[in-house]
């Protein structure tokens, strides 16, 4: 994905709880990156600007996609 994305249901309005601590959010993030084989994509050439508005639009698109299809992690055999 261009601009980057982090898909964690706990970061959405439906998944968020005021009971979460900073530590628990960081632990969930770390577990998701490790389990999902997260990586930083190195792009070549000129990078595009990525505004707050673009980030918010991308976030809303991802939330709609996950609301429609669910928040499941596909098996590794699915690619």
PDB file of N, CA and C in Angstrom:
ATOM      1  N   UNK A   1       0.832  -1.176   0.000  1.00  0.00           N
ATOM      2  CA  UNK A   1       0.000   0.000   0.000  1.00  0.00           C
ATOM      3  C   UNK A   1       0.879   1.242   0.000  1.00  0.00           C
ATOM      4  N   UNK A   2       0.493   2.201  -0.766  1.00  0.00           N
ATOM      5  CA  UNK A   2       1.232   3.464  -0.764  1.00  0.00           C
ATOM      6  C   UNK A   2       0.877   4.255   0.479  1.00  0.00           C
ATOM      7  N   UNK A   3       1.852   4.916   1.046  1.00  0.00           N
ATOM      8  CA  UNK A   3       1.613   5.730   2.223  1.00  0.00           C
ATOM      9  C   UNK A   3       1.646   4.939   3.508  1.00  0.00           C
ATOM     10  N   UNK A   4       1.510   3.644   3.406  1.00  0.00           N
ATOM     11  CA  UNK A   4       1.556   2.791   4.589  1.00  0.00           C
ATOM     12  C   UNK A   4       0.192   2.626   5.227  1.00  0.00           C
ATOM     13  N   UNK A   5       0.024   1.541   5.887  1.00  0.00           N
ATOM     14  CA  UNK A   5      -1.220   1.273   6.598  1.00  0.00           C
ATOM     15  C   UNK A   5      -0.937   0.275   7.700  1.00  0.00           C
ATOM     16  N   UNK A   6      -1.691   0.394   8.735  1.00  0.00           N
ATOM     17  CA  UNK A   6      -1.599  -0.519   9.851  1.00  0.00           C
ATOM     18  C   UNK A   6      -3.021  -0.937  10.187  1.00  0.00           C
ATOM     19  N   UNK A   7      -3.344  -2.176   9.921  1.00  0.00           N
ATOM     20  CA  UNK A   7      -4.702  -2.666  10.148  1.00  0.00           C
ATOM     21  C   UNK A   7      -4.794  -3.334  11.506  1.00  0.00           C
ATOM     22  N   UNK A   8      -5.324  -2.615  12.471  1.00  0.00           N
ATOM     23  CA  UNK A   8      -5.588  -3.158  13.795  1.00  0.00           C
ATOM     24  C   UNK A   8      -6.992  -2.731  14.197  1.00  0.00           C
ATOM     25  N   UNK A   9      -7.846  -3.692  14.423  1.00  0.00           N
ATOM     26  CA  UNK A   9      -9.223  -3.367  14.783  1.00  0.00           C
ATOM     27  C   UNK A   9      -9.283  -2.507  16.038  1.00  0.00           C
ATOM     28  N   UNK A  10      -8.342  -2.702  16.955  1.00  0.00           N
ATOM     29  CA  UNK A  10      -8.384  -1.931  18.192  1.00  0.00           C
ATOM     30  C   UNK A  10      -8.174  -0.438  17.962  1.00  0.00           C
ATOM     31  N   UNK A  11      -7.699  -0.051  16.780  1.00  0.00           N
ATOM     32  CA  UNK A  11      -7.513   1.374  16.476  1.00  0.00           C
ATOM     33  C   UNK A  11      -8.743   2.006  15.852  1.00  0.00           C
ATOM     34  N   UNK A  12      -9.808   1.240  15.684  1.00  0.00           N
ATOM     35  CA  UNK A  12     -11.042   1.769  15.108  1.00  0.00           C
ATOM     36  C   UNK A  12     -12.005   2.157  16.227  1.00  0.00           C
ATOM     37  N   UNK A  13     -12.982   2.994  15.919  1.00  0.00           N
ATOM     38  CA  UNK A  13     -13.963   3.360  16.954  1.00  0.00           C
ATOM     39  C   UNK A  13     -14.668   2.142  17.559  1.00  0.00           C
ATOM     40  N   UNK A  14     -14.971   1.150  16.739  1.00  0.00           N
ATOM     41  CA  UNK A  14     -15.665  -0.042  17.235  1.00  0.00           C
ATOM     42  C   UNK A  14     -14.759  -0.910  18.101  1.00  0.00           C
ATOM     43  N   UNK A  15     -13.457  -0.924  17.792  1.00  0.00           N
ATOM     44  CA  UNK A  15     -12.538  -1.786  18.512  1.00  0.00           C
ATOM     45  C   UNK A  15     -11.854  -1.137  19.705  1.00  0.00           C
ATOM     46  N   UNK A  16     -11.983   0.176  19.827  1.00  0.00           N
ATOM     47  CA  UNK A  16     -11.261   0.899  20.863  1.00  0.00           C
ATOM     48  C   UNK A  16     -11.955   0.781  22.213  1.00  0.00           C
ATOM     49  N   UNK A  17     -11.151   0.724  23.264  1.00  0.00           N
ATOM     50  CA  UNK A  17     -11.653   0.748  24.637  1.00  0.00           C
ATOM     51  C   UNK A  17     -10.802   1.715  25.435  1.00  0.00           C
ATOM     52  N   UNK A  18     -11.437   2.513  26.248  1.00  0.00           N
ATOM     53  CA  UNK A  18     -10.682   3.456  27.077  1.00  0.00           C
ATOM     54  C   UNK A  18      -9.863   2.720  28.134  1.00  0.00           C
ATOM     55  N   UNK A  19     -10.096   1.438  28.299  1.00  0.00           N
ATOM     56  CA  UNK A  19      -9.329   0.646  29.260  1.00  0.00           C
ATOM     57  C   UNK A  19      -7.937   0.282  28.736  1.00  0.00           C
ATOM     58  N   UNK A  20      -7.696   0.446  27.428  1.00  0.00           N
ATOM     59  CA  UNK A  20      -6.381   0.124  26.870  1.00  0.00           C
ATOM     60  C   UNK A  20      -5.329   1.062  27.430  1.00  0.00           C
ATOM     61  N   UNK A  21      -4.185   0.493  27.744  1.00  0.00           N
ATOM     62  CA  UNK A  21      -3.046   1.306  28.161  1.00  0.00           C
ATOM     63  C   UNK A  21      -2.117   1.472  26.957  1.00  0.00           C
ATOM     64  N   UNK A  22      -1.216   2.415  27.067  1.00  0.00           N
ATOM     65  CA  UNK A  22      -0.230   2.595  26.003  1.00  0.00           C
ATOM     66  C   UNK A  22       0.541   1.294  25.817  1.00  0.00           C
ATOM     67  N   UNK A  23       0.909   0.660  26.910  1.00  0.00           N
ATOM     68  CA  UNK A  23       1.659  -0.593  26.840  1.00  0.00           C
ATOM     69  C   UNK A  23       0.886  -1.686  26.099  1.00  0.00           C
ATOM     70  N   UNK A  24      -0.423  -1.804  26.372  1.00  0.00           N
ATOM     71  CA  UNK A  24      -1.200  -2.858  25.703  1.00  0.00           C
ATOM     72  C   UNK A  24      -1.337  -2.591  24.202  1.00  0.00           C
ATOM     73  N   UNK A  25      -1.449  -1.328  23.814  1.00  0.00           N
ATOM     74  CA  UNK A  25      -1.529  -0.992  22.387  1.00  0.00           C
ATOM     75  C   UNK A  25      -0.197  -1.310  21.701  1.00  0.00           C
ATOM     76  N   UNK A  26       0.905  -0.962  22.348  1.00  0.00           N
ATOM     77  CA  UNK A  26       2.225  -1.259  21.776  1.00  0.00           C
ATOM     78  C   UNK A  26       2.438  -2.769  21.679  1.00  0.00           C
ATOM     79  N   UNK A  27       2.017  -3.510  22.689  1.00  0.00           N
ATOM     80  CA  UNK A  27       2.160  -4.969  22.660  1.00  0.00           C
ATOM     81  C   UNK A  27       1.343  -5.564  21.509  1.00  0.00           C
ATOM     82  N   UNK A  28       0.114  -5.077  21.306  1.00  0.00           N
ATOM     83  CA  UNK A  28      -0.723  -5.571  20.213  1.00  0.00           C
ATOM     84  C   UNK A  28      -0.110  -5.229  18.860  1.00  0.00           C
ATOM     85  N   UNK A  29       0.387  -4.019  18.734  1.00  0.00           N
ATOM     86  CA  UNK A  29       1.052  -3.601  17.502  1.00  0.00           C
ATOM     87  C   UNK A  29       2.245  -4.512  17.209  1.00  0.00           C
ATOM     88  N   UNK A  30       3.085  -4.713  18.215  1.00  0.00           N
ATOM     89  CA  UNK A  30       4.280  -5.550  18.038  1.00  0.00           C
ATOM     90  C   UNK A  30       3.905  -6.968  17.636  1.00  0.00           C
ATOM     91  N   UNK A  31       2.927  -7.539  18.315  1.00  0.00           N
ATOM     92  CA  UNK A  31       2.492  -8.899  17.991  1.00  0.00           C
ATOM     93  C   UNK A  31       1.965  -8.981  16.561  1.00  0.00           C
ATOM     94  N   UNK A  32       1.225  -7.973  16.133  1.00  0.00           N
ATOM     95  CA  UNK A  32       0.669  -7.965  14.784  1.00  0.00           C
ATOM     96  C   UNK A  32       1.758  -7.850  13.725  1.00  0.00           C
ATOM     97  N   UNK A  33       2.747  -7.022  13.978  1.00  0.00           N
ATOM     98  CA  UNK A  33       3.842  -6.859  13.016  1.00  0.00           C
ATOM     99  C   UNK A  33       4.640  -8.153  12.905  1.00  0.00           C
ATOM    100  N   UNK A  34       4.934  -8.776  14.035  1.00  0.00           N
ATOM    101  CA  UNK A  34       5.717 -10.014  14.024  1.00  0.00           C
ATOM    102  C   UNK A  34       4.928 -11.137  13.364  1.00  0.00           C
ATOM    103  N   UNK A  35       3.673 -11.338  13.789  1.00  0.00           N
ATOM    104  CA  UNK A  35       2.862 -12.422  13.227  1.00  0.00           C
ATOM    105  C   UNK A  35       2.585 -12.204  11.745  1.00  0.00           C
ATOM    106  N   UNK A  36       2.371 -10.969  11.360  1.00  0.00           N
ATOM    107  CA  UNK A  36       2.068 -10.657   9.967  1.00  0.00           C
ATOM    108  C   UNK A  36       3.282 -10.443   9.093  1.00  0.00           C
ATOM    109  N   UNK A  37       4.466 -10.687   9.646  1.00  0.00           N
ATOM    110  CA  UNK A  37       5.725 -10.489   8.913  1.00  0.00           C
ATOM    111  C   UNK A  37       5.796  -9.065   8.361  1.00  0.00           C
ATOM    112  N   UNK A  38       5.489  -8.097   9.224  1.00  0.00           N
ATOM    113  CA  UNK A  38       5.520  -6.695   8.826  1.00  0.00           C
ATOM    114  C   UNK A  38       6.880  -6.272   8.322  1.00  0.00           C
ATOM    115  N   UNK A  39       6.873  -5.322   7.438  1.00  0.00           N
ATOM    116  CA  UNK A  39       8.115  -4.840   6.861  1.00  0.00           C
ATOM    117  C   UNK A  39       7.937  -3.392   6.409  1.00  0.00           C
ATOM    118  N   UNK A  40       9.047  -2.714   6.300  1.00  0.00           N
ATOM    119  CA  UNK A  40       9.046  -1.353   5.770  1.00  0.00           C
ATOM    120  C   UNK A  40       9.426  -1.455   4.307  1.00  0.00           C
ATOM    121  N   UNK A  41       8.586  -0.889   3.465  1.00  0.00           N
ATOM    122  CA  UNK A  41       8.838  -0.932   2.035  1.00  0.00           C
ATOM    123  C   UNK A  41       9.746   0.225   1.655  1.00  0.00           C
ATOM    124  N   UNK A  42      10.821  -0.096   1.007  1.00  0.00           N
ATOM    125  CA  UNK A  42      11.740   0.940   0.530  1.00  0.00           C
ATOM    126  C   UNK A  42      11.357   1.282  -0.901  1.00  0.00           C
ATOM    127  N   UNK A  43      10.900   2.497  -1.094  1.00  0.00           N
ATOM    128  CA  UNK A  43      10.507   2.906  -2.437  1.00  0.00           C
ATOM    129  C   UNK A  43      11.659   3.635  -3.102  1.00  0.00           C
ATOM    130  N   UNK A  44      11.772   3.422  -4.369  1.00  0.00           N
ATOM    131  CA  UNK A  44      12.799   4.104  -5.136  1.00  0.00           C
ATOM    132  C   UNK A  44      12.192   5.310  -5.828  1.00  0.00           C
ATOM    133  N   UNK A  45      12.976   6.296  -6.017  1.00  0.00           N
ATOM    134  CA  UNK A  45      12.495   7.467  -6.727  1.00  0.00           C
ATOM    135  C   UNK A  45      11.870   8.489  -5.801  1.00  0.00           C
ATOM    136  N   UNK A  46      11.151   9.393  -6.416  1.00  0.00           N
ATOM    137  CA  UNK A  46      10.545  10.495  -5.689  1.00  0.00           C
ATOM    138  C   UNK A  46       9.334  10.017  -4.889  1.00  0.00           C
ATOM    139  N   UNK A  47       9.280  10.376  -3.624  1.00  0.00           N
ATOM    140  CA  UNK A  47       8.138   9.976  -2.806  1.00  0.00           C
ATOM    141  C   UNK A  47       7.012  10.989  -2.945  1.00  0.00           C
ATOM    142  N   UNK A  48       5.791  10.489  -2.818  1.00  0.00           N
ATOM    143  CA  UNK A  48       4.618  11.352  -2.902  1.00  0.00           C
ATOM    144  C   UNK A  48       4.364  11.982  -1.539  1.00  0.00           C
ATOM    145  N   UNK A  49       3.705  13.130  -1.555  1.00  0.00           N
ATOM    146  CA  UNK A  49       3.329  13.736  -0.283  1.00  0.00           C
ATOM    147  C   UNK A  49       2.163  12.943   0.295  1.00  0.00           C
ATOM    148  N   UNK A  50       2.098  12.899   1.601  1.00  0.00           N
ATOM    149  CA  UNK A  50       1.066  12.129   2.289  1.00  0.00           C
ATOM    150  C   UNK A  50       0.527  13.012   3.399  1.00  0.00           C
ATOM    151  N   UNK A  51      -0.598  13.652   3.133  1.00  0.00           N
ATOM    152  CA  UNK A  51      -1.153  14.610   4.079  1.00  0.00           C
ATOM    153  C   UNK A  51      -2.010  13.916   5.133  1.00  0.00           C
ATOM    154  N   UNK A  52      -2.378  14.668   6.142  1.00  0.00           N
ATOM    155  CA  UNK A  52      -3.270  14.140   7.180  1.00  0.00           C
ATOM    156  C   UNK A  52      -4.603  13.745   6.551  1.00  0.00           C
ATOM    157  N   UNK A  53      -5.099  14.548   5.632  1.00  0.00           N
ATOM    158  CA  UNK A  53      -6.362  14.236   4.960  1.00  0.00           C
ATOM    159  C   UNK A  53      -6.265  12.921   4.200  1.00  0.00           C
ATOM    160  N   UNK A  54      -5.171  12.717   3.479  1.00  0.00           N
ATOM    161  CA  UNK A  54      -4.973  11.471   2.732  1.00  0.00           C
ATOM    162  C   UNK A  54      -4.917  10.288   3.688  1.00  0.00           C
ATOM    163  N   UNK A  55      -4.224  10.457   4.815  1.00  0.00           N
ATOM    164  CA  UNK A  55      -4.126   9.388   5.815  1.00  0.00           C
ATOM    165  C   UNK A  55      -5.508   9.053   6.379  1.00  0.00           C
ATOM    166  N   UNK A  56      -6.313  10.074   6.689  1.00  0.00           N
ATOM    167  CA  UNK A  56      -7.653   9.839   7.240  1.00  0.00           C
ATOM    168  C   UNK A  56      -8.551   9.148   6.220  1.00  0.00           C
ATOM    169  N   UNK A  57      -8.444   9.530   4.956  1.00  0.00           N
ATOM    170  CA  UNK A  57      -9.237   8.884   3.906  1.00  0.00           C
ATOM    171  C   UNK A  57      -8.838   7.420   3.744  1.00  0.00           C
ATOM    172  N   UNK A  58      -7.538   7.155   3.772  1.00  0.00           N
ATOM    173  CA  UNK A  58      -7.052   5.778   3.658  1.00  0.00           C
ATOM    174  C   UNK A  58      -7.542   4.949   4.839  1.00  0.00           C
ATOM    175  N   UNK A  59      -7.512   5.531   6.021  1.00  0.00           N
ATOM    176  CA  UNK A  59      -7.983   4.840   7.222  1.00  0.00           C
ATOM    177  C   UNK A  59      -9.462   4.487   7.088  1.00  0.00           C
ATOM    178  N   UNK A  60     -10.279   5.454   6.674  1.00  0.00           N
ATOM    179  CA  UNK A  60     -11.714   5.203   6.538  1.00  0.00           C
ATOM    180  C   UNK A  60     -11.988   4.121   5.486  1.00  0.00           C
ATOM    181  N   UNK A  61     -11.228   4.122   4.400  1.00  0.00           N
ATOM    182  CA  UNK A  61     -11.382   3.081   3.379  1.00  0.00           C
ATOM    183  C   UNK A  61     -11.058   1.704   3.947  1.00  0.00           C
ATOM    184  N   UNK A  62     -10.000   1.620   4.732  1.00  0.00           N
ATOM    185  CA  UNK A  62      -9.637   0.341   5.336  1.00  0.00           C
ATOM    186  C   UNK A  62     -10.689  -0.124   6.340  1.00  0.00           C
ATOM    187  N   UNK A  63     -11.223   0.795   7.133  1.00  0.00           N
ATOM    188  CA  UNK A  63     -12.271   0.433   8.095  1.00  0.00           C
ATOM    189  C   UNK A  63     -13.489  -0.107   7.355  1.00  0.00           C
ATOM    190  N   UNK A  64     -13.883   0.559   6.273  1.00  0.00           N
ATOM    191  CA  UNK A  64     -15.046   0.074   5.496  1.00  0.00           C
ATOM    192  C   UNK A  64     -14.776  -1.319   4.926  1.00  0.00           C
ATOM    193  N   UNK A  65     -13.574  -1.535   4.425  1.00  0.00           N
ATOM    194  CA  UNK A  65     -13.221  -2.846   3.874  1.00  0.00           C
ATOM    195  C   UNK A  65     -13.303  -3.916   4.951  1.00  0.00           C
ATOM    196  N   UNK A  66     -12.741  -3.636   6.117  1.00  0.00           N
ATOM    197  CA  UNK A  66     -12.761  -4.618   7.195  1.00  0.00           C
ATOM    198  C   UNK A  66     -14.159  -4.799   7.781  1.00  0.00           C
ATOM    199  N   UNK A  67     -14.953  -3.750   7.805  1.00  0.00           N
ATOM    200  CA  UNK A  67     -16.342  -3.902   8.251  1.00  0.00           C
ATOM    201  C   UNK A  67     -17.101  -4.835   7.313  1.00  0.00           C
ATOM    202  N   UNK A  68     -16.802  -4.753   6.034  1.00  0.00           N
ATOM    203  CA  UNK A  68     -17.487  -5.574   5.038  1.00  0.00           C
ATOM    204  C   UNK A  68     -17.008  -7.024   5.053  1.00  0.00           C
ATOM    205  N   UNK A  69     -15.693  -7.230   5.144  1.00  0.00           N
ATOM    206  CA  UNK A  69     -15.120  -8.572   5.009  1.00  0.00           C
ATOM    207  C   UNK A  69     -14.633  -9.186   6.316  1.00  0.00           C
ATOM    208  N   UNK A  70     -14.597  -8.395   7.381  1.00  0.00           N
ATOM    209  CA  UNK A  70     -14.143  -8.916   8.664  1.00  0.00           C
ATOM    210  C   UNK A  70     -12.701  -8.560   8.966  1.00  0.00           C
ATOM    211  N   UNK A  71     -12.311  -8.857  10.185  1.00  0.00           N
ATOM    212  CA  UNK A  71     -10.977  -8.530  10.681  1.00  0.00           C
ATOM    213  C   UNK A  71     -10.170  -9.793  10.926  1.00  0.00           C
ATOM    214  N   UNK A  72     -10.265 -10.729  10.055  1.00  0.00           N
ATOM    215  CA  UNK A  72      -9.544 -11.988  10.219  1.00  0.00           C
ATOM    216  C   UNK A  72      -8.192 -11.916   9.525  1.00  0.00           C
ATOM    217  N   UNK A  73      -7.266 -12.659  10.072  1.00  0.00           N
ATOM    218  CA  UNK A  73      -5.959 -12.790   9.443  1.00  0.00           C
ATOM    219  C   UNK A  73      -5.981 -14.061   8.622  1.00  0.00           C
ATOM    220  N   UNK A  74      -5.796 -13.967   7.316  1.00  0.00           N
ATOM    221  CA  UNK A  74      -5.836 -15.181   6.494  1.00  0.00           C
ATOM    222  C   UNK A  74      -4.645 -16.082   6.811  1.00  0.00           C
ATOM    223  N   UNK A  75      -4.811 -17.374   6.624  1.00  0.00           N
ATOM    224  CA  UNK A  75      -3.683 -18.285   6.849  1.00  0.00           C
ATOM    225  C   UNK A  75      -2.506 -17.933   5.937  1.00  0.00           C
ATOM    226  N   UNK A  76      -1.313 -18.277   6.370  1.00  0.00           N
ATOM    227  CA  UNK A  76      -0.112 -17.990   5.582  1.00  0.00           C
ATOM    228  C   UNK A  76      -0.177 -18.639   4.208  1.00  0.00           C
ATOM    229  N   UNK A  77      -0.898 -19.749   4.095  1.00  0.00           N
ATOM    230  CA  UNK A  77      -1.002 -20.438   2.806  1.00  0.00           C
ATOM    231  C   UNK A  77      -1.795 -19.628   1.784  1.00  0.00           C
ATOM    232  N   UNK A  78      -2.549 -18.618   2.265  1.00  0.00           N
ATOM    233  CA  UNK A  78      -3.314 -17.756   1.355  1.00  0.00           C
ATOM    234  C   UNK A  78      -2.465 -16.642   0.764  1.00  0.00           C
ATOM    235  N   UNK A  79      -1.208 -16.576   1.149  1.00  0.00           N
ATOM    236  CA  UNK A  79      -0.321 -15.553   0.603  1.00  0.00           C
ATOM    237  C   UNK A  79      -0.183 -14.431   1.513  1.00  0.00           C
TER     238      UNK A  79
END
